[in-house]
C-alpha atoms as a PDB file:
ATOM      1  CA  UNK A   1     -26.033  37.054  21.772  1.00  0.00           C
ATOM      2  CA  UNK A   2     -22.466  36.277  22.497  1.00  0.00           C
ATOM      3  CA  UNK A   3     -21.005  32.891  23.043  1.00  0.00           C
ATOM      4  CA  UNK A   4     -18.174  32.167  25.363  1.00  0.00           C
ATOM      5  CA  UNK A   5     -15.539  29.585  24.710  1.00  0.00           C
ATOM      6  CA  UNK A   6     -14.654  27.167  27.464  1.00  0.00           C
ATOM      7  CA  UNK A   7     -11.144  27.708  28.807  1.00  0.00           C
ATOM      8  CA  UNK A   8      -8.449  25.535  27.265  1.00  0.00           C
ATOM      9  CA  UNK A   9      -7.083  22.872  29.542  1.00  0.00           C
ATOM     10  CA  UNK A  10      -3.476  22.825  30.710  1.00  0.00           C
ATOM     11  CA  UNK A  11      -2.517  20.078  28.261  1.00  0.00           C
ATOM     12  CA  UNK A  12      -3.347  22.230  25.256  1.00  0.00           C
ATOM     13  CA  UNK A  13      -6.224  20.056  24.091  1.00  0.00           C
ATOM     14  CA  UNK A  14      -4.197  16.850  24.030  1.00  0.00           C
ATOM     15  CA  UNK A  15      -6.589  15.124  26.389  1.00  0.00           C
ATOM     16  CA  UNK A  16      -9.457  15.537  23.932  1.00  0.00           C
ATOM     17  CA  UNK A  17      -7.306  14.270  21.086  1.00  0.00           C
ATOM     18  CA  UNK A  18      -6.457  11.156  23.055  1.00  0.00           C
ATOM     19  CA  UNK A  19     -10.077  10.387  23.752  1.00  0.00           C
ATOM     20  CA  UNK A  20      -9.915  11.468  27.405  1.00  0.00           C
ATOM     21  CA  UNK A  21     -11.885  14.637  26.858  1.00  0.00           C
ATOM     22  CA  UNK A  22     -15.549  15.337  27.024  1.00  0.00           C
ATOM     23  CA  UNK A  23     -17.418  12.450  25.415  1.00  0.00           C
ATOM     24  CA  UNK A  24     -14.197  10.771  24.278  1.00  0.00           C
ATOM     25  CA  UNK A  25     -14.595  12.083  20.707  1.00  0.00           C
ATOM     26  CA  UNK A  26     -11.785  12.854  18.314  1.00  0.00           C
ATOM     27  CA  UNK A  27     -11.538  16.653  17.875  1.00  0.00           C
ATOM     28  CA  UNK A  28     -11.979  16.536  14.093  1.00  0.00           C
ATOM     29  CA  UNK A  29     -15.601  15.543  13.636  1.00  0.00           C
ATOM     30  CA  UNK A  30     -15.253  14.407  10.011  1.00  0.00           C
ATOM     31  CA  UNK A  31     -12.536  11.937  10.982  1.00  0.00           C
ATOM     32  CA  UNK A  32     -14.543  10.680  13.943  1.00  0.00           C
ATOM     33  CA  UNK A  33     -17.514   9.931  11.682  1.00  0.00           C
ATOM     34  CA  UNK A  34     -15.475   7.814   9.263  1.00  0.00           C
ATOM     35  CA  UNK A  35     -12.677   6.197  11.247  1.00  0.00           C
ATOM     36  CA  UNK A  36     -13.399   3.967  14.236  1.00  0.00           C
ATOM     37  CA  UNK A  37     -12.221   5.528  17.470  1.00  0.00           C
ATOM     38  CA  UNK A  38     -11.196   2.225  18.985  1.00  0.00           C
ATOM     39  CA  UNK A  39      -8.702  -0.343  17.809  1.00  0.00           C
ATOM     40  CA  UNK A  40      -8.863  -4.074  18.209  1.00  0.00           C
ATOM     41  CA  UNK A  41      -5.256  -5.320  18.176  1.00  0.00           C
ATOM     42  CA  UNK A  42      -6.489  -8.871  17.605  1.00  0.00           C
ATOM     43  CA  UNK A  43      -7.805  -7.944  14.141  1.00  0.00           C
ATOM     44  CA  UNK A  44      -5.585  -9.646  11.542  1.00  0.00           C
ATOM     45  CA  UNK A  45      -3.801  -7.415   9.037  1.00  0.00           C
ATOM     46  CA  UNK A  46      -1.211  -9.331   7.015  1.00  0.00           C
ATOM     47  CA  UNK A  47      -3.500 -12.141   5.910  1.00  0.00           C
ATOM     48  CA  UNK A  48      -3.467 -14.364   2.846  1.00  0.00           C
ATOM     49  CA  UNK A  49      -6.275 -12.252   1.391  1.00  0.00           C
ATOM     50  CA  UNK A  50      -4.369  -9.016   1.982  1.00  0.00           C
ATOM     51  CA  UNK A  51      -1.194 -10.328   0.342  1.00  0.00           C
ATOM     52  CA  UNK A  52      -3.043 -11.887  -2.595  1.00  0.00           C
ATOM     53  CA  UNK A  53      -5.275  -8.917  -3.360  1.00  0.00           C
ATOM     54  CA  UNK A  54      -2.547  -6.390  -2.560  1.00  0.00           C
ATOM     55  CA  UNK A  55       0.064  -7.922  -4.836  1.00  0.00           C
ATOM     56  CA  UNK A  56      -2.501  -8.533  -7.578  1.00  0.00           C
ATOM     57  CA  UNK A  57      -3.757  -4.943  -7.472  1.00  0.00           C
ATOM     58  CA  UNK A  58      -0.195  -3.589  -7.451  1.00  0.00           C
ATOM     59  CA  UNK A  59       0.856  -5.697 -10.450  1.00  0.00           C
ATOM     60  CA  UNK A  60      -2.315  -4.915 -12.413  1.00  0.00           C
ATOM     61  CA  UNK A  61      -1.997  -1.169 -11.794  1.00  0.00           C
ATOM     62  CA  UNK A  62       1.689  -1.178 -12.747  1.00  0.00           C
ATOM     63  CA  UNK A  63       0.894  -3.067 -15.956  1.00  0.00           C
ATOM     64  CA  UNK A  64      -2.066  -0.873 -16.924  1.00  0.00           C
ATOM     65  CA  UNK A  65      -0.316   2.414 -16.155  1.00  0.00           C
ATOM     66  CA  UNK A  66       2.789   1.340 -18.078  1.00  0.00           C
ATOM     67  CA  UNK A  67       0.624   0.157 -20.977  1.00  0.00           C
ATOM     68  CA  UNK A  68      -1.312   3.437 -21.119  1.00  0.00           C
ATOM     69  CA  UNK A  69       1.880   5.516 -20.904  1.00  0.00           C
ATOM     70  CA  UNK A  70       2.499   4.874 -24.614  1.00  0.00           C
ATOM     71  CA  UNK A  71      -0.713   6.594 -25.709  1.00  0.00           C
ATOM     72  CA  UNK A  72      -0.664  10.033 -27.307  1.00  0.00           C
ATOM     73  CA  UNK A  73      -2.557  11.300 -24.291  1.00  0.00           C
ATOM     74  CA  UNK A  74      -1.426   9.049 -21.433  1.00  0.00           C
ATOM     75  CA  UNK A  75      -4.050   7.692 -19.108  1.00  0.00           C
ATOM     76  CA  UNK A  76      -3.292   7.119 -15.426  1.00  0.00           C
ATOM     77  CA  UNK A  77      -5.383   4.756 -13.360  1.00  0.00           C
ATOM     78  CA  UNK A  78      -5.504   5.747  -9.711  1.00  0.00           C
ATOM     79  CA  UNK A  79      -5.164   3.469  -6.725  1.00  0.00           C
ATOM     80  CA  UNK A  80      -8.697   4.452  -5.739  1.00  0.00           C
ATOM     81  CA  UNK A  81     -10.041   2.167  -8.470  1.00  0.00           C
ATOM     82  CA  UNK A  82      -8.259  -0.786  -6.880  1.00  0.00           C
ATOM     83  CA  UNK A  83      -9.486   0.315  -3.459  1.00  0.00           C
ATOM     84  CA  UNK A  84     -13.081   0.226  -4.681  1.00  0.00           C
ATOM     85  CA  UNK A  85     -12.715  -3.060  -6.564  1.00  0.00           C
ATOM     86  CA  UNK A  86     -11.001  -5.085  -3.825  1.00  0.00           C
ATOM     87  CA  UNK A  87     -13.718  -4.536  -1.212  1.00  0.00           C
ATOM     88  CA  UNK A  88     -16.305  -6.877  -2.788  1.00  0.00           C
ATOM     89  CA  UNK A  89     -13.555  -9.294  -3.846  1.00  0.00           C
ATOM     90  CA  UNK A  90     -12.200  -9.385  -0.286  1.00  0.00           C
ATOM     91  CA  UNK A  91     -15.652 -10.013   1.140  1.00  0.00           C
ATOM     92  CA  UNK A  92     -16.205 -12.734  -1.462  1.00  0.00           C
ATOM     93  CA  UNK A  93     -12.889 -14.382  -0.537  1.00  0.00           C
ATOM     94  CA  UNK A  94     -13.870 -14.237   3.150  1.00  0.00           C
ATOM     95  CA  UNK A  95     -17.073 -16.121   2.387  1.00  0.00           C
ATOM     96  CA  UNK A  96     -15.511 -18.689   0.035  1.00  0.00           C
ATOM     97  CA  UNK A  97     -12.052 -19.529   1.407  1.00  0.00           C
ATOM     98  CA  UNK A  98     -11.900 -22.377   3.925  1.00  0.00           C
ATOM     99  CA  UNK A  99     -10.794 -21.771   7.502  1.00  0.00           C
ATOM    100  CA  UNK A 100      -7.681 -23.896   7.123  1.00  0.00           C
ATOM    101  CA  UNK A 101      -4.135 -23.486   8.385  1.00  0.00           C
ATOM    102  CA  UNK A 102      -1.401 -23.835   5.752  1.00  0.00           C
ATOM    103  CA  UNK A 103       2.080 -24.856   6.889  1.00  0.00           C
ATOM    104  CA  UNK A 104       5.063 -23.808   4.795  1.00  0.00           C
ATOM    105  CA  UNK A 105       7.607 -26.634   4.441  1.00  0.00           C
ATOM    106  CA  UNK A 106       5.960 -28.659   7.166  1.00  0.00           C
ATOM    107  CA  UNK A 107       5.822 -25.709   9.534  1.00  0.00           C
ATOM    108  CA  UNK A 108       9.545 -24.916   9.436  1.00  0.00           C
ATOM    109  CA  UNK A 109       8.918 -21.599   7.652  1.00  0.00           C
ATOM    110  CA  UNK A 110       5.801 -20.827   9.653  1.00  0.00           C
ATOM    111  CA  UNK A 111       2.130 -21.092   8.879  1.00  0.00           C
ATOM    112  CA  UNK A 112      -0.823 -18.918   8.007  1.00  0.00           C
ATOM    113  CA  UNK A 113      -4.590 -19.207   7.969  1.00  0.00           C
ATOM    114  CA  UNK A 114      -6.387 -18.959   4.630  1.00  0.00           C
ATOM    115  CA  UNK A 115      -9.454 -17.330   6.177  1.00  0.00           C
ATOM    116  CA  UNK A 116      -8.912 -15.830   9.645  1.00  0.00           C
ATOM    117  CA  UNK A 117     -12.381 -14.262   9.743  1.00  0.00           C
ATOM    118  CA  UNK A 118     -14.429 -11.573   8.048  1.00  0.00           C
ATOM    119  CA  UNK A 119     -12.753  -9.087   5.722  1.00  0.00           C
ATOM    120  CA  UNK A 120     -11.844  -6.065   7.841  1.00  0.00           C
ATOM    121  CA  UNK A 121     -10.841  -2.432   7.415  1.00  0.00           C
ATOM    122  CA  UNK A 122      -7.197  -3.098   8.274  1.00  0.00           C
ATOM    123  CA  UNK A 123      -6.869  -5.565   5.400  1.00  0.00           C
ATOM    124  CA  UNK A 124      -8.559  -3.053   3.114  1.00  0.00           C
ATOM    125  CA  UNK A 125      -6.096  -0.324   4.129  1.00  0.00           C
ATOM    126  CA  UNK A 126      -3.017  -2.518   3.587  1.00  0.00           C
ATOM    127  CA  UNK A 127      -4.353  -3.579   0.164  1.00  0.00           C
ATOM    128  CA  UNK A 128      -4.804   0.109  -0.700  1.00  0.00           C
ATOM    129  CA  UNK A 129      -1.194   0.755   0.304  1.00  0.00           C
ATOM    130  CA  UNK A 130      -0.070  -2.111  -1.943  1.00  0.00           C
ATOM    131  CA  UNK A 131      -2.137  -0.737  -4.825  1.00  0.00           C
ATOM    132  CA  UNK A 132      -0.768   2.774  -4.419  1.00  0.00           C
ATOM    133  CA  UNK A 133       2.744   1.388  -4.746  1.00  0.00           C
ATOM    134  CA  UNK A 134       1.754   0.544  -8.318  1.00  0.00           C
ATOM    135  CA  UNK A 135       1.091   4.180  -9.159  1.00  0.00           C
ATOM    136  CA  UNK A 136       3.738   5.910  -7.050  1.00  0.00           C
ATOM    137  CA  UNK A 137       6.439   6.919  -9.480  1.00  0.00           C
ATOM    138  CA  UNK A 138       5.444   8.987 -12.494  1.00  0.00           C
ATOM    139  CA  UNK A 139       2.453   7.018 -13.648  1.00  0.00           C
ATOM    140  CA  UNK A 140       3.542   3.680 -12.282  1.00  0.00           C
ATOM    141  CA  UNK A 141       6.332   2.624 -14.601  1.00  0.00           C
ATOM    142  CA  UNK A 142      10.021   2.345 -13.816  1.00  0.00           C
ATOM    143  CA  UNK A 143      12.228   4.989 -15.418  1.00  0.00           C
ATOM    144  CA  UNK A 144      14.404   2.440 -17.193  1.00  0.00           C
ATOM    145  CA  UNK A 145      11.413   1.185 -19.194  1.00  0.00           C
ATOM    146  CA  UNK A 146      11.622   4.428 -21.172  1.00  0.00           C
ATOM    147  CA  UNK A 147      15.262   3.704 -22.064  1.00  0.00           C
ATOM    148  CA  UNK A 148      14.421   0.161 -23.137  1.00  0.00           C
ATOM    149  CA  UNK A 149      11.552   1.471 -25.284  1.00  0.00           C
ATOM    150  CA  UNK A 150      13.779   4.098 -26.940  1.00  0.00           C
ATOM    151  CA  UNK A 151      16.369   1.424 -27.752  1.00  0.00           C
ATOM    152  CA  UNK A 152      13.736  -0.682 -29.455  1.00  0.00           C
ATOM    153  CA  UNK A 153      11.794   2.095 -31.223  1.00  0.00           C
ATOM    154  CA  UNK A 154      14.549   4.430 -32.421  1.00  0.00           C
ATOM    155  CA  UNK A 155      17.745   2.394 -32.508  1.00  0.00           C
ATOM    156  CA  UNK A 156      16.207  -0.934 -33.614  1.00  0.00           C
ATOM    157  CA  UNK A 157      18.090  -2.779 -30.877  1.00  0.00           C
ATOM    158  CA  UNK A 158      16.340  -5.254 -28.668  1.00  0.00           C
ATOM    159  CA  UNK A 159      17.221  -6.731 -25.321  1.00  0.00           C
ATOM    160  CA  UNK A 160      16.330 -10.161 -24.077  1.00  0.00           C
ATOM    161  CA  UNK A 161      13.593 -10.325 -21.483  1.00  0.00           C
ATOM    162  CA  UNK A 162      16.059 -11.330 -18.762  1.00  0.00           C
ATOM    163  CA  UNK A 163      18.407  -8.435 -19.545  1.00  0.00           C
ATOM    164  CA  UNK A 164      15.548  -5.912 -19.589  1.00  0.00           C
ATOM    165  CA  UNK A 165      14.194  -7.313 -16.326  1.00  0.00           C
ATOM    166  CA  UNK A 166      17.603  -7.027 -14.659  1.00  0.00           C
ATOM    167  CA  UNK A 167      17.983  -3.420 -15.840  1.00  0.00           C
ATOM    168  CA  UNK A 168      14.580  -2.478 -14.449  1.00  0.00           C
ATOM    169  CA  UNK A 169      15.170  -4.257 -11.144  1.00  0.00           C
ATOM    170  CA  UNK A 170      18.661  -2.834 -10.684  1.00  0.00           C
ATOM    171  CA  UNK A 171      17.538   0.739 -11.308  1.00  0.00           C
ATOM    172  CA  UNK A 172      14.613   0.384  -8.915  1.00  0.00           C
ATOM    173  CA  UNK A 173      16.751  -1.217  -6.199  1.00  0.00           C
ATOM    174  CA  UNK A 174      19.401   1.467  -6.639  1.00  0.00           C
ATOM    175  CA  UNK A 175      16.708   4.107  -6.224  1.00  0.00           C
ATOM    176  CA  UNK A 176      15.464   2.449  -3.038  1.00  0.00           C
ATOM    177  CA  UNK A 177      19.030   2.259  -1.743  1.00  0.00           C
ATOM    178  CA  UNK A 178      19.489   5.995  -2.160  1.00  0.00           C
ATOM    179  CA  UNK A 179      16.129   6.709  -0.535  1.00  0.00           C
ATOM    180  CA  UNK A 180      17.023   4.590   2.490  1.00  0.00           C
ATOM    181  CA  UNK A 181      20.562   5.929   2.786  1.00  0.00           C
ATOM    182  CA  UNK A 182      19.624   8.085   5.759  1.00  0.00           C
ATOM    183  CA  UNK A 183      18.637   4.907   7.602  1.00  0.00           C
ATOM    184  CA  UNK A 184      21.936   3.181   6.873  1.00  0.00           C
ATOM    185  CA  UNK A 185      23.450   2.650  10.296  1.00  0.00           C
ATOM    186  CA  UNK A 186      26.818   1.507   8.957  1.00  0.00           C
ATOM    187  CA  UNK A 187      27.515   5.056   7.745  1.00  0.00           C
ATOM    188  CA  UNK A 188      27.985   6.188  11.336  1.00  0.00           C
ATOM    189  CA  UNK A 189      30.824   3.696  11.821  1.00  0.00           C
ATOM    190  CA  UNK A 190      32.738   4.841   8.739  1.00  0.00           C
ATOM    191  CA  UNK A 191      34.890   7.818   9.567  1.00  0.00           C
END
């Protein structure tokens, strides 16, 4: 028995990928089974729950990964743990938080809703992105933390908390500046 393939369309299969093909299915079946094929643009993404759980998971992962860096055999906690843990917490927050609008400075800085509806997949994805920012660079800690630790452990010199915080922030911001240098539009005006 021989099977024949249907002829490829003139668009090179793009119609099937855009949902216009036979049955409207995404060409990769595994993706189609997991990810919804439709999008509701009215689904809220940057909600109070997303910011709260996202920032909390990022800070907790940064702290834990930095803490475990000092072990003889360092332990790294993945962002997947936060992804698993925030789902029930997000659903719990959706059931507990009141549906109330909060105005910032009397509405001059805008407003947001504490509970815009059920916890959705878009909030879960943005929280996962937040959490993965806590484990992005070499186990989650800033590179200057190593220098501060060496100063304290080997040279018996200590820095104040404010000074150490400024060193860490300045090195991270400098790193981000160099990463975004290709997007610096003022460079094109300098000749």
